[in-house]
Amino acid sequence: MRRTETGSHQAERNNWRFSRWATLAAILLIPATELSAGGGDKVDTKSAAPRSQAVAAGSEPQGRRIVISIPDRKLALMDGDRIVKIYPVAVGAGVSPSPRGNYTIASRIPQPTYYAPGKVIPPGPANPLGTRWLGLSLKGFGIHGTNEPRSIGKRASHGCIRMRNADVEELFELVRAGDVVELHGARTVELAQVFGTPDPVRPKTQPQATPVVVAVAVP
């Protein structure tokens, strides 16, 4: 009888030790499991590794943006470092220059209405804003069409960026609110890569002197 009780107590003691070690092992494994699972989210290690390498190398795409060279009177739609398309534009005249700096597209308005002191021009052929308006985060300035296509390529606007109506309609469909707009007042290395080397300024030819014939009277 005593041997049976001793064996039973021994078995209970062994079971208690096993249960204690099992519980301790489970507690120790929990942090490692949560860490490998990313706090409960599934982590694709195959896709995560290349992404971290791209960030370290600084090769993440910069996204869609508009780059405008005021000296070149050109606008480029960029996707990262890739040129999507380049358009000729008109920029601010000397008395009303276009702003410099980085802004964003704040509004997109098809068939805009033109408002000026004492004047309202509805959409149509006479509207100075043309057929589309891309308003910038700088109030009062934007990229728009024009009813004066001959002004494209010149310093002719009141500070806004003018485009041909067909061009601004195309650009309108390719950009969204929040896209960055860069206005550069001087040529940079990036502008040279985007728009190419500017055309050399040819020296003005001096008009040839007209020979003067002096009549001398012979006595």
N, C-alpha and C. Protein backbone atom coordinates (compact mmCIF):
# COMPACT_ATOMS: atom_id res chain seq x y z
N MET A 1 0.83 -1.20 0.00
CA MET A 1 0.00 0.00 0.00
C MET A 1 0.87 1.25 0.00
N ARG A 2 1.90 1.28 0.73
CA ARG A 2 2.79 2.43 0.83
C ARG A 2 3.53 2.66 -0.49
N ARG A 3 3.93 1.55 -1.15
CA ARG A 3 4.62 1.67 -2.43
C ARG A 3 3.69 2.30 -3.48
N THR A 4 2.41 1.91 -3.47
CA THR A 4 1.45 2.46 -4.44
C THR A 4 1.31 3.96 -4.25
N GLU A 5 1.18 4.42 -2.99
CA GLU A 5 1.06 5.85 -2.72
C GLU A 5 2.34 6.59 -3.13
N THR A 6 3.49 5.96 -2.86
CA THR A 6 4.76 6.62 -3.22
C THR A 6 4.87 6.76 -4.73
N GLY A 7 4.48 5.72 -5.46
CA GLY A 7 4.52 5.80 -6.92
C GLY A 7 3.57 6.85 -7.46
N SER A 8 2.43 6.97 -6.85
CA SER A 8 1.44 7.97 -7.30
C SER A 8 1.94 9.38 -7.08
N HIS A 9 2.53 9.58 -5.87
CA HIS A 9 3.09 10.91 -5.59
C HIS A 9 4.23 11.25 -6.56
N GLN A 10 5.03 10.27 -6.89
CA GLN A 10 6.14 10.52 -7.82
C GLN A 10 5.63 10.90 -9.21
N ALA A 11 4.59 10.22 -9.63
CA ALA A 11 4.02 10.52 -10.96
C ALA A 11 3.42 11.92 -10.98
N GLU A 12 2.74 12.31 -9.89
CA GLU A 12 2.16 13.65 -9.83
C GLU A 12 3.26 14.71 -9.86
N ARG A 13 4.37 14.41 -9.12
CA ARG A 13 5.47 15.37 -9.09
C ARG A 13 6.10 15.53 -10.48
N ASN A 14 6.23 14.42 -11.21
CA ASN A 14 6.79 14.49 -12.57
C ASN A 14 5.87 15.27 -13.51
N ASN A 15 4.56 15.02 -13.37
CA ASN A 15 3.60 15.75 -14.21
C ASN A 15 3.64 17.23 -13.92
N TRP A 16 3.78 17.60 -12.63
CA TRP A 16 3.84 19.02 -12.26
C TRP A 16 5.08 19.68 -12.84
N ARG A 17 6.25 18.96 -12.80
CA ARG A 17 7.48 19.50 -13.37
C ARG A 17 7.35 19.69 -14.88
N PHE A 18 6.76 18.70 -15.56
CA PHE A 18 6.60 18.79 -17.01
C PHE A 18 5.69 19.96 -17.39
N SER A 19 4.61 20.10 -16.62
CA SER A 19 3.67 21.20 -16.90
C SER A 19 4.34 22.56 -16.69
N ARG A 20 5.18 22.65 -15.65
CA ARG A 20 5.87 23.90 -15.35
C ARG A 20 6.84 24.26 -16.46
N TRP A 21 7.61 23.29 -16.95
CA TRP A 21 8.56 23.56 -18.04
C TRP A 21 7.83 23.89 -19.33
N ALA A 22 6.72 23.24 -19.59
CA ALA A 22 5.95 23.53 -20.81
C ALA A 22 5.42 24.95 -20.79
N THR A 23 4.93 25.39 -19.62
CA THR A 23 4.40 26.75 -19.49
C THR A 23 5.50 27.78 -19.68
N LEU A 24 6.68 27.51 -19.06
CA LEU A 24 7.81 28.42 -19.18
C LEU A 24 8.28 28.53 -20.63
N ALA A 25 8.32 27.39 -21.33
CA ALA A 25 8.74 27.40 -22.73
C ALA A 25 7.77 28.19 -23.58
N ALA A 26 6.47 28.07 -23.30
CA ALA A 26 5.46 28.82 -24.07
C ALA A 26 5.62 30.31 -23.86
N ILE A 27 5.90 30.72 -22.61
CA ILE A 27 6.07 32.15 -22.32
C ILE A 27 7.28 32.71 -23.06
N LEU A 28 8.35 31.93 -23.11
CA LEU A 28 9.57 32.40 -23.77
C LEU A 28 9.40 32.47 -25.28
N LEU A 29 8.52 31.67 -25.85
CA LEU A 29 8.35 31.65 -27.30
C LEU A 29 7.44 32.75 -27.81
N ILE A 30 6.60 33.33 -26.96
CA ILE A 30 5.63 34.33 -27.42
C ILE A 30 6.29 35.55 -28.04
N PRO A 31 7.27 36.20 -27.42
CA PRO A 31 7.88 37.38 -28.05
C PRO A 31 8.51 37.09 -29.40
N ALA A 32 9.17 35.94 -29.53
CA ALA A 32 9.79 35.59 -30.80
C ALA A 32 8.74 35.40 -31.88
N THR A 33 7.59 34.83 -31.56
CA THR A 33 6.53 34.62 -32.54
C THR A 33 5.95 35.95 -32.98
N GLU A 34 5.70 36.86 -32.04
CA GLU A 34 5.13 38.16 -32.38
C GLU A 34 6.11 38.97 -33.24
N LEU A 35 7.41 38.84 -32.92
CA LEU A 35 8.41 39.59 -33.67
C LEU A 35 8.47 39.10 -35.11
N SER A 36 8.45 37.82 -35.31
CA SER A 36 8.54 37.29 -36.67
C SER A 36 7.28 37.57 -37.45
N ALA A 37 6.15 37.73 -36.77
CA ALA A 37 4.88 37.99 -37.45
C ALA A 37 4.63 39.48 -37.62
N GLY A 38 5.53 40.32 -37.15
CA GLY A 38 5.36 41.75 -37.31
C GLY A 38 4.21 42.29 -36.50
N GLY A 39 4.04 41.81 -35.26
CA GLY A 39 2.97 42.32 -34.42
C GLY A 39 1.60 41.87 -34.88
N GLY A 40 1.52 40.72 -35.54
CA GLY A 40 0.24 40.20 -35.96
C GLY A 40 0.01 40.36 -37.45
N ASP A 41 0.76 41.25 -38.15
CA ASP A 41 0.65 41.42 -39.59
C ASP A 41 1.56 40.45 -40.30
N LYS A 42 1.08 39.95 -41.43
CA LYS A 42 1.91 39.05 -42.21
C LYS A 42 2.98 39.85 -42.95
N VAL A 43 4.20 39.38 -42.92
CA VAL A 43 5.31 40.07 -43.56
C VAL A 43 5.86 39.17 -44.65
N ASP A 44 5.88 39.71 -45.88
CA ASP A 44 6.47 38.99 -46.99
C ASP A 44 7.95 39.35 -47.04
N THR A 45 8.79 38.51 -46.52
CA THR A 45 10.22 38.83 -46.43
C THR A 45 10.85 38.96 -47.81
N LYS A 46 10.30 38.27 -48.81
CA LYS A 46 10.87 38.36 -50.14
C LYS A 46 10.66 39.75 -50.74
N SER A 47 9.48 40.33 -50.49
CA SER A 47 9.22 41.66 -51.04
C SER A 47 9.74 42.75 -50.12
N ALA A 48 9.84 42.48 -48.82
CA ALA A 48 10.29 43.51 -47.88
C ALA A 48 11.78 43.81 -48.05
N ALA A 49 12.58 42.79 -48.34
CA ALA A 49 14.02 43.00 -48.46
C ALA A 49 14.40 43.93 -49.61
N PRO A 50 13.86 43.70 -50.84
CA PRO A 50 14.21 44.64 -51.92
C PRO A 50 13.76 46.06 -51.64
N ARG A 51 12.60 46.24 -50.97
CA ARG A 51 12.11 47.59 -50.68
C ARG A 51 13.07 48.32 -49.76
N SER A 52 13.57 47.63 -48.71
CA SER A 52 14.49 48.28 -47.78
C SER A 52 15.80 48.64 -48.50
N GLN A 53 16.22 47.81 -49.46
CA GLN A 53 17.42 48.12 -50.21
C GLN A 53 17.19 49.35 -51.09
N ALA A 54 15.97 49.48 -51.68
CA ALA A 54 15.68 50.63 -52.53
C ALA A 54 15.70 51.92 -51.72
N VAL A 55 15.14 51.88 -50.52
CA VAL A 55 15.14 53.06 -49.66
C VAL A 55 16.57 53.45 -49.32
N ALA A 56 17.40 52.45 -48.99
CA ALA A 56 18.78 52.74 -48.61
C ALA A 56 19.55 53.33 -49.78
N ALA A 57 19.22 52.89 -51.00
CA ALA A 57 19.93 53.38 -52.17
C ALA A 57 19.38 54.70 -52.66
N GLY A 58 18.26 55.14 -52.11
CA GLY A 58 17.66 56.41 -52.51
C GLY A 58 17.04 56.36 -53.89
N SER A 59 16.56 55.16 -54.30
CA SER A 59 16.02 55.01 -55.64
C SER A 59 14.51 54.93 -55.66
N GLU A 60 13.85 55.34 -54.58
CA GLU A 60 12.40 55.36 -54.57
C GLU A 60 11.91 56.38 -55.60
N PRO A 61 10.86 56.09 -56.40
CA PRO A 61 10.38 57.04 -57.39
C PRO A 61 9.85 58.30 -56.74
N GLN A 62 10.10 59.45 -57.39
CA GLN A 62 9.68 60.72 -56.84
C GLN A 62 8.22 61.01 -57.12
N GLY A 63 7.57 60.25 -57.99
CA GLY A 63 6.17 60.45 -58.28
C GLY A 63 5.96 61.43 -59.42
N ARG A 64 4.69 61.63 -59.73
CA ARG A 64 4.31 62.51 -60.83
C ARG A 64 4.47 63.97 -60.42
N ARG A 65 5.04 64.78 -61.30
CA ARG A 65 5.25 66.19 -61.01
C ARG A 65 5.36 66.97 -62.30
N ILE A 66 5.14 68.27 -62.20
CA ILE A 66 5.26 69.16 -63.34
C ILE A 66 6.48 70.04 -63.11
N VAL A 67 7.36 70.09 -64.10
CA VAL A 67 8.56 70.92 -64.02
C VAL A 67 8.46 71.99 -65.10
N ILE A 68 8.55 73.24 -64.69
CA ILE A 68 8.43 74.36 -65.62
C ILE A 68 9.73 75.15 -65.62
N SER A 69 10.29 75.35 -66.80
CA SER A 69 11.47 76.20 -66.96
C SER A 69 11.00 77.54 -67.50
N ILE A 70 11.06 78.56 -66.66
CA ILE A 70 10.66 79.90 -67.10
C ILE A 70 11.58 80.42 -68.19
N PRO A 71 12.92 80.25 -68.08
CA PRO A 71 13.79 80.73 -69.16
C PRO A 71 13.53 80.04 -70.50
N ASP A 72 13.18 78.74 -70.46
CA ASP A 72 12.95 77.99 -71.70
C ASP A 72 11.52 78.13 -72.21
N ARG A 73 10.63 78.63 -71.33
CA ARG A 73 9.20 78.70 -71.66
C ARG A 73 8.68 77.32 -72.08
N LYS A 74 8.99 76.33 -71.23
CA LYS A 74 8.56 74.96 -71.49
C LYS A 74 8.10 74.31 -70.19
N LEU A 75 7.19 73.35 -70.33
CA LEU A 75 6.65 72.59 -69.21
C LEU A 75 6.84 71.11 -69.50
N ALA A 76 7.34 70.38 -68.50
CA ALA A 76 7.55 68.94 -68.65
C ALA A 76 6.72 68.20 -67.60
N LEU A 77 5.98 67.21 -68.05
CA LEU A 77 5.30 66.30 -67.13
C LEU A 77 6.25 65.15 -66.86
N MET A 78 6.59 64.95 -65.57
CA MET A 78 7.56 63.94 -65.18
C MET A 78 6.89 62.83 -64.38
N ASP A 79 7.38 61.62 -64.54
CA ASP A 79 6.99 60.50 -63.69
C ASP A 79 8.27 59.96 -63.08
N GLY A 80 8.58 60.43 -61.86
CA GLY A 80 9.90 60.16 -61.30
C GLY A 80 10.93 60.94 -62.10
N ASP A 81 11.91 60.24 -62.65
CA ASP A 81 12.92 60.87 -63.50
C ASP A 81 12.61 60.69 -64.98
N ARG A 82 11.47 60.09 -65.28
CA ARG A 82 11.11 59.83 -66.68
C ARG A 82 10.28 60.99 -67.22
N ILE A 83 10.63 61.45 -68.42
CA ILE A 83 9.89 62.52 -69.08
C ILE A 83 8.69 61.91 -69.78
N VAL A 84 7.49 62.34 -69.40
CA VAL A 84 6.27 61.86 -70.05
C VAL A 84 6.02 62.67 -71.32
N LYS A 85 6.05 64.01 -71.19
CA LYS A 85 5.84 64.86 -72.35
C LYS A 85 6.28 66.28 -72.03
N ILE A 86 6.70 67.00 -73.05
CA ILE A 86 7.12 68.40 -72.91
C ILE A 86 6.20 69.28 -73.76
N TYR A 87 5.77 70.39 -73.17
CA TYR A 87 4.87 71.31 -73.86
C TYR A 87 5.48 72.72 -73.88
N PRO A 88 5.28 73.47 -74.95
CA PRO A 88 5.65 74.88 -74.93
C PRO A 88 4.61 75.68 -74.16
N VAL A 89 5.03 76.72 -73.48
CA VAL A 89 4.10 77.52 -72.67
C VAL A 89 4.46 78.99 -72.81
N ALA A 90 3.56 79.84 -72.36
CA ALA A 90 3.86 81.26 -72.17
C ALA A 90 3.98 81.50 -70.68
N VAL A 91 4.91 82.37 -70.32
CA VAL A 91 5.14 82.67 -68.90
C VAL A 91 4.88 84.15 -68.66
N GLY A 92 5.06 84.57 -67.41
CA GLY A 92 4.78 85.95 -67.05
C GLY A 92 5.63 86.95 -67.80
N ALA A 93 5.00 88.07 -68.12
CA ALA A 93 5.73 89.16 -68.78
C ALA A 93 6.67 89.81 -67.78
N GLY A 94 7.52 90.71 -68.28
CA GLY A 94 8.50 91.36 -67.42
C GLY A 94 7.86 92.14 -66.28
N VAL A 95 6.70 92.74 -66.52
CA VAL A 95 6.03 93.53 -65.48
C VAL A 95 5.19 92.66 -64.55
N SER A 96 4.96 91.42 -64.94
CA SER A 96 4.16 90.50 -64.12
C SER A 96 4.77 89.10 -64.20
N PRO A 97 5.96 88.90 -63.63
CA PRO A 97 6.68 87.63 -63.78
C PRO A 97 5.97 86.46 -63.09
N SER A 98 6.22 85.28 -63.60
CA SER A 98 5.69 84.07 -62.97
C SER A 98 6.43 83.80 -61.66
N PRO A 99 5.74 83.25 -60.66
CA PRO A 99 6.40 82.98 -59.38
C PRO A 99 7.41 81.85 -59.52
N ARG A 100 8.39 81.83 -58.63
CA ARG A 100 9.36 80.74 -58.55
C ARG A 100 9.09 79.92 -57.31
N GLY A 101 9.43 78.65 -57.36
CA GLY A 101 9.27 77.81 -56.17
C GLY A 101 8.48 76.56 -56.46
N ASN A 102 8.24 75.78 -55.41
CA ASN A 102 7.50 74.52 -55.51
C ASN A 102 6.11 74.69 -54.91
N TYR A 103 5.12 74.27 -55.67
CA TYR A 103 3.73 74.38 -55.24
C TYR A 103 3.03 73.06 -55.55
N THR A 104 1.75 73.00 -55.33
CA THR A 104 0.97 71.81 -55.68
C THR A 104 -0.27 72.24 -56.45
N ILE A 105 -0.85 71.30 -57.16
CA ILE A 105 -2.12 71.56 -57.84
C ILE A 105 -3.23 71.53 -56.79
N ALA A 106 -3.93 72.65 -56.65
CA ALA A 106 -4.97 72.77 -55.62
C ALA A 106 -6.37 72.57 -56.19
N SER A 107 -6.55 72.84 -57.48
CA SER A 107 -7.89 72.70 -58.06
C SER A 107 -7.78 72.36 -59.53
N ARG A 108 -8.81 71.69 -60.05
CA ARG A 108 -8.91 71.31 -61.45
C ARG A 108 -10.30 71.71 -61.94
N ILE A 109 -10.37 72.68 -62.84
CA ILE A 109 -11.68 73.19 -63.27
C ILE A 109 -11.77 73.14 -64.80
N PRO A 110 -12.68 72.33 -65.33
CA PRO A 110 -12.90 72.36 -66.78
C PRO A 110 -13.82 73.52 -67.14
N GLN A 111 -13.59 74.11 -68.30
CA GLN A 111 -14.40 75.22 -68.78
C GLN A 111 -14.56 76.30 -67.70
N PRO A 112 -13.46 76.92 -67.29
CA PRO A 112 -13.52 77.91 -66.20
C PRO A 112 -14.17 79.22 -66.66
N THR A 113 -14.63 79.97 -65.69
CA THR A 113 -15.14 81.32 -65.92
C THR A 113 -14.08 82.32 -65.49
N TYR A 114 -13.86 83.34 -66.31
CA TYR A 114 -12.83 84.35 -66.03
C TYR A 114 -13.47 85.51 -65.27
N TYR A 115 -12.85 85.86 -64.13
CA TYR A 115 -13.32 86.97 -63.31
C TYR A 115 -12.22 88.03 -63.22
N ALA A 116 -12.58 89.25 -63.46
CA ALA A 116 -11.69 90.39 -63.30
C ALA A 116 -12.54 91.54 -62.77
N PRO A 117 -11.91 92.56 -62.18
CA PRO A 117 -12.71 93.68 -61.67
C PRO A 117 -13.62 94.27 -62.75
N GLY A 118 -14.91 94.19 -62.49
CA GLY A 118 -15.89 94.71 -63.44
C GLY A 118 -16.08 93.88 -64.68
N LYS A 119 -15.55 92.64 -64.70
CA LYS A 119 -15.65 91.83 -65.91
C LYS A 119 -15.81 90.36 -65.54
N VAL A 120 -16.75 89.70 -66.17
CA VAL A 120 -16.94 88.25 -66.03
C VAL A 120 -17.09 87.68 -67.44
N ILE A 121 -16.23 86.73 -67.79
CA ILE A 121 -16.27 86.12 -69.12
C ILE A 121 -16.58 84.64 -68.95
N PRO A 122 -17.71 84.19 -69.44
CA PRO A 122 -18.06 82.77 -69.32
C PRO A 122 -17.21 81.90 -70.24
N PRO A 123 -17.30 80.59 -70.08
CA PRO A 123 -16.55 79.70 -70.98
C PRO A 123 -16.91 79.98 -72.44
N GLY A 124 -15.90 79.91 -73.27
CA GLY A 124 -16.13 80.16 -74.69
C GLY A 124 -14.87 80.65 -75.37
N PRO A 125 -14.94 80.96 -76.67
CA PRO A 125 -13.75 81.36 -77.43
C PRO A 125 -13.09 82.62 -76.91
N ALA A 126 -13.84 83.50 -76.22
CA ALA A 126 -13.26 84.76 -75.75
C ALA A 126 -12.67 84.66 -74.35
N ASN A 127 -12.74 83.50 -73.74
CA ASN A 127 -12.25 83.35 -72.37
C ASN A 127 -10.73 83.31 -72.33
N PRO A 128 -10.07 84.23 -71.59
CA PRO A 128 -8.60 84.24 -71.53
C PRO A 128 -8.00 83.00 -70.88
N LEU A 129 -8.81 82.25 -70.11
CA LEU A 129 -8.30 81.05 -69.45
C LEU A 129 -8.41 79.80 -70.31
N GLY A 130 -8.98 79.95 -71.49
CA GLY A 130 -9.10 78.79 -72.36
C GLY A 130 -10.10 77.78 -71.83
N THR A 131 -9.79 76.51 -72.03
CA THR A 131 -10.75 75.45 -71.71
C THR A 131 -10.48 74.71 -70.41
N ARG A 132 -9.32 74.95 -69.78
CA ARG A 132 -9.01 74.24 -68.54
C ARG A 132 -8.23 75.16 -67.60
N TRP A 133 -8.42 74.93 -66.29
CA TRP A 133 -7.70 75.67 -65.24
C TRP A 133 -7.16 74.68 -64.23
N LEU A 134 -5.84 74.73 -64.01
CA LEU A 134 -5.18 73.96 -62.94
C LEU A 134 -4.65 74.98 -61.94
N GLY A 135 -5.40 75.20 -60.88
CA GLY A 135 -5.01 76.20 -59.90
C GLY A 135 -3.91 75.71 -58.99
N LEU A 136 -2.94 76.58 -58.70
CA LEU A 136 -1.83 76.23 -57.81
C LEU A 136 -2.17 76.55 -56.37
N SER A 137 -1.36 76.01 -55.47
CA SER A 137 -1.53 76.30 -54.04
C SER A 137 -1.17 77.75 -53.72
N LEU A 138 -0.57 78.46 -54.67
CA LEU A 138 -0.33 79.89 -54.55
C LEU A 138 -1.55 80.60 -55.15
N LYS A 139 -2.36 81.20 -54.30
CA LYS A 139 -3.65 81.75 -54.72
C LYS A 139 -3.48 82.74 -55.86
N GLY A 140 -4.35 82.60 -56.85
CA GLY A 140 -4.37 83.51 -57.98
C GLY A 140 -3.52 83.07 -59.16
N PHE A 141 -2.73 82.02 -59.00
CA PHE A 141 -1.85 81.56 -60.07
C PHE A 141 -2.24 80.14 -60.48
N GLY A 142 -2.03 79.85 -61.75
CA GLY A 142 -2.37 78.53 -62.23
C GLY A 142 -1.80 78.26 -63.61
N ILE A 143 -2.10 77.08 -64.10
CA ILE A 143 -1.77 76.65 -65.46
C ILE A 143 -3.09 76.58 -66.21
N HIS A 144 -3.18 77.24 -67.35
CA HIS A 144 -4.48 77.28 -68.04
C HIS A 144 -4.29 77.40 -69.54
N GLY A 145 -5.41 77.30 -70.24
CA GLY A 145 -5.40 77.48 -71.68
C GLY A 145 -5.38 78.95 -72.03
N THR A 146 -5.67 79.25 -73.28
CA THR A 146 -5.62 80.65 -73.70
C THR A 146 -6.46 80.85 -74.95
N ASN A 147 -6.92 82.08 -75.12
CA ASN A 147 -7.57 82.47 -76.38
C ASN A 147 -6.60 83.23 -77.27
N GLU A 148 -5.33 83.25 -76.88
CA GLU A 148 -4.27 83.89 -77.67
C GLU A 148 -3.13 82.89 -77.89
N PRO A 149 -3.33 81.90 -78.75
CA PRO A 149 -2.29 80.87 -78.94
C PRO A 149 -0.99 81.43 -79.47
N ARG A 150 -1.01 82.61 -80.09
CA ARG A 150 0.24 83.19 -80.60
C ARG A 150 1.19 83.61 -79.47
N SER A 151 0.66 83.70 -78.24
CA SER A 151 1.51 84.12 -77.12
C SER A 151 2.35 82.97 -76.58
N ILE A 152 2.05 81.73 -76.98
CA ILE A 152 2.80 80.58 -76.48
C ILE A 152 4.26 80.68 -76.91
N GLY A 153 5.15 80.44 -75.95
CA GLY A 153 6.58 80.55 -76.22
C GLY A 153 7.14 81.92 -75.90
N LYS A 154 6.30 82.80 -75.34
CA LYS A 154 6.74 84.16 -75.05
C LYS A 154 6.51 84.50 -73.58
N ARG A 155 7.07 85.63 -73.18
CA ARG A 155 6.77 86.21 -71.86
C ARG A 155 5.58 87.14 -72.05
N ALA A 156 4.39 86.63 -71.79
CA ALA A 156 3.21 87.39 -72.18
C ALA A 156 2.08 87.39 -71.17
N SER A 157 2.13 86.54 -70.14
CA SER A 157 0.99 86.41 -69.24
C SER A 157 1.12 87.36 -68.05
N HIS A 158 0.09 87.32 -67.20
CA HIS A 158 0.11 88.12 -65.98
C HIS A 158 0.75 87.34 -64.81
N GLY A 159 1.47 86.29 -65.12
CA GLY A 159 2.14 85.49 -64.10
C GLY A 159 1.79 84.01 -64.18
N CYS A 160 0.62 83.71 -64.76
CA CYS A 160 0.23 82.31 -64.90
C CYS A 160 1.01 81.64 -66.03
N ILE A 161 0.85 80.33 -66.13
CA ILE A 161 1.46 79.54 -67.20
C ILE A 161 0.38 79.23 -68.22
N ARG A 162 0.54 79.75 -69.42
CA ARG A 162 -0.43 79.53 -70.48
C ARG A 162 -0.01 78.35 -71.35
N MET A 163 -1.01 77.61 -71.81
CA MET A 163 -0.78 76.51 -72.73
C MET A 163 -1.81 76.58 -73.85
N ARG A 164 -1.50 75.95 -74.96
CA ARG A 164 -2.51 75.80 -75.99
C ARG A 164 -3.66 74.96 -75.42
N ASN A 165 -4.86 75.23 -75.85
CA ASN A 165 -6.02 74.54 -75.27
C ASN A 165 -5.92 73.02 -75.42
N ALA A 166 -5.49 72.56 -76.58
CA ALA A 166 -5.36 71.11 -76.78
C ALA A 166 -4.33 70.52 -75.83
N ASP A 167 -3.24 71.26 -75.56
CA ASP A 167 -2.20 70.77 -74.66
C ASP A 167 -2.68 70.73 -73.21
N VAL A 168 -3.35 71.80 -72.77
CA VAL A 168 -3.79 71.83 -71.38
C VAL A 168 -4.91 70.81 -71.14
N GLU A 169 -5.70 70.54 -72.15
CA GLU A 169 -6.74 69.50 -72.00
C GLU A 169 -6.10 68.13 -71.82
N GLU A 170 -5.00 67.88 -72.54
CA GLU A 170 -4.29 66.61 -72.38
C GLU A 170 -3.64 66.52 -71.00
N LEU A 171 -2.96 67.61 -70.60
CA LEU A 171 -2.30 67.63 -69.29
C LEU A 171 -3.32 67.48 -68.17
N PHE A 172 -4.47 68.09 -68.32
CA PHE A 172 -5.54 68.05 -67.32
C PHE A 172 -5.91 66.62 -66.95
N GLU A 173 -5.92 65.74 -67.93
CA GLU A 173 -6.30 64.34 -67.69
C GLU A 173 -5.18 63.51 -67.09
N LEU A 174 -3.96 64.05 -67.11
CA LEU A 174 -2.80 63.27 -66.65
C LEU A 174 -2.35 63.63 -65.23
N VAL A 175 -2.90 64.70 -64.65
CA VAL A 175 -2.48 65.12 -63.32
C VAL A 175 -3.66 65.15 -62.38
N ARG A 176 -3.36 65.21 -61.09
CA ARG A 176 -4.39 65.21 -60.06
C ARG A 176 -4.05 66.27 -59.01
N ALA A 177 -5.04 66.62 -58.20
CA ALA A 177 -4.81 67.55 -57.10
C ALA A 177 -3.76 66.96 -56.15
N GLY A 178 -2.83 67.80 -55.73
CA GLY A 178 -1.75 67.35 -54.86
C GLY A 178 -0.45 67.10 -55.59
N ASP A 179 -0.49 66.98 -56.92
CA ASP A 179 0.75 66.79 -57.67
C ASP A 179 1.63 68.04 -57.55
N VAL A 180 2.93 67.84 -57.49
CA VAL A 180 3.87 68.94 -57.29
C VAL A 180 4.10 69.69 -58.60
N VAL A 181 4.20 71.01 -58.50
CA VAL A 181 4.52 71.87 -59.64
C VAL A 181 5.76 72.68 -59.27
N GLU A 182 6.84 72.49 -60.03
CA GLU A 182 8.09 73.21 -59.79
C GLU A 182 8.25 74.30 -60.85
N LEU A 183 8.43 75.53 -60.39
CA LEU A 183 8.68 76.64 -61.31
C LEU A 183 10.11 77.12 -61.09
N HIS A 184 10.94 76.96 -62.10
CA HIS A 184 12.36 77.30 -62.02
C HIS A 184 12.63 78.59 -62.78
N GLY A 185 13.27 79.54 -62.11
CA GLY A 185 13.58 80.81 -62.74
C GLY A 185 14.95 80.85 -63.38
N ALA A 186 15.77 79.84 -63.15
CA ALA A 186 17.11 79.78 -63.74
C ALA A 186 17.39 78.34 -64.16
N ARG A 187 18.21 78.20 -65.16
CA ARG A 187 18.53 76.85 -65.64
C ARG A 187 19.41 76.12 -64.64
N THR A 188 19.12 74.83 -64.46
CA THR A 188 19.88 73.97 -63.56
C THR A 188 20.36 72.75 -64.34
N VAL A 189 21.12 71.91 -63.66
CA VAL A 189 21.58 70.67 -64.30
C VAL A 189 20.38 69.81 -64.68
N GLU A 190 19.39 69.74 -63.79
CA GLU A 190 18.20 68.94 -64.10
C GLU A 190 17.45 69.49 -65.30
N LEU A 191 17.30 70.82 -65.35
CA LEU A 191 16.59 71.43 -66.48
C LEU A 191 17.31 71.14 -67.79
N ALA A 192 18.64 71.16 -67.76
CA ALA A 192 19.41 70.85 -68.96
C ALA A 192 19.17 69.41 -69.39
N GLN A 193 19.04 68.50 -68.43
CA GLN A 193 18.77 67.09 -68.75
C GLN A 193 17.36 66.91 -69.29
N VAL A 194 16.41 67.70 -68.78
CA VAL A 194 15.02 67.55 -69.20
C VAL A 194 14.76 68.25 -70.53
N PHE A 195 15.17 69.50 -70.63
CA PHE A 195 14.83 70.31 -71.80
C PHE A 195 15.94 70.42 -72.83
N GLY A 196 17.12 69.90 -72.50
CA GLY A 196 18.22 69.97 -73.45
C GLY A 196 18.96 71.29 -73.35
N THR A 197 20.01 71.39 -74.14
CA THR A 197 20.82 72.61 -74.16
C THR A 197 20.06 73.71 -74.88
N PRO A 198 20.00 74.90 -74.30
CA PRO A 198 19.28 75.98 -74.99
C PRO A 198 19.95 76.36 -76.29
N ASP A 199 19.15 76.85 -77.20
CA ASP A 199 19.69 77.28 -78.48
C ASP A 199 20.69 78.41 -78.28
N PRO A 200 21.84 78.33 -78.93
CA PRO A 200 22.82 79.40 -78.75
C PRO A 200 22.29 80.73 -79.28
N VAL A 201 22.67 81.78 -78.59
CA VAL A 201 22.26 83.12 -79.02
C VAL A 201 23.16 83.56 -80.16
N ARG A 202 22.57 83.75 -81.30
CA ARG A 202 23.36 84.15 -82.45
C ARG A 202 23.61 85.65 -82.42
N PRO A 203 24.85 86.06 -82.60
CA PRO A 203 25.12 87.51 -82.61
C PRO A 203 24.44 88.18 -83.79
N LYS A 204 23.95 89.34 -83.53
CA LYS A 204 23.30 90.08 -84.59
C LYS A 204 24.34 90.49 -85.64
N THR A 205 23.97 90.28 -86.88
CA THR A 205 24.89 90.65 -87.96
C THR A 205 24.87 92.16 -88.14
N GLN A 206 26.05 92.69 -88.26
CA GLN A 206 26.17 94.13 -88.47
C GLN A 206 25.89 94.46 -89.93
N PRO A 207 25.04 95.42 -90.17
CA PRO A 207 24.77 95.78 -91.57
C PRO A 207 26.02 96.30 -92.25
N GLN A 208 26.18 95.88 -93.46
CA GLN A 208 27.36 96.32 -94.21
C GLN A 208 27.26 97.81 -94.54
N ALA A 209 28.39 98.49 -94.42
CA ALA A 209 28.41 99.93 -94.69
C ALA A 209 28.25 100.18 -96.18
N THR A 210 27.41 101.12 -96.47
CA THR A 210 27.20 101.50 -97.87
C THR A 210 28.32 102.45 -98.29
N PRO A 211 29.02 102.09 -99.34
CA PRO A 211 30.14 102.96 -99.77
C PRO A 211 29.60 104.34 -100.16
N VAL A 212 30.36 105.33 -99.73
CA VAL A 212 29.99 106.71 -100.03
C VAL A 212 30.82 107.19 -101.20
N VAL A 213 30.16 107.61 -102.23
CA VAL A 213 30.86 108.10 -103.42
C VAL A 213 30.89 109.63 -103.36
N VAL A 214 32.08 110.13 -103.34
CA VAL A 214 32.25 111.58 -103.28
C VAL A 214 32.65 112.09 -104.65
N ALA A 215 31.86 112.96 -105.17
CA ALA A 215 32.18 113.51 -106.50
C ALA A 215 33.12 114.67 -106.33
N VAL A 216 34.20 114.62 -107.01
CA VAL A 216 35.20 115.70 -106.96
C VAL A 216 35.19 116.42 -108.28
N ALA A 217 34.95 117.70 -108.17
CA ALA A 217 34.94 118.50 -109.41
C ALA A 217 36.36 118.75 -109.88
N VAL A 218 36.60 118.48 -111.11
CA VAL A 218 37.93 118.71 -111.67
C VAL A 218 37.95 120.09 -112.31
N PRO A 219 38.85 120.90 -111.86
CA PRO A 219 38.89 122.27 -112.43
C PRO A 219 39.32 122.23 -113.89
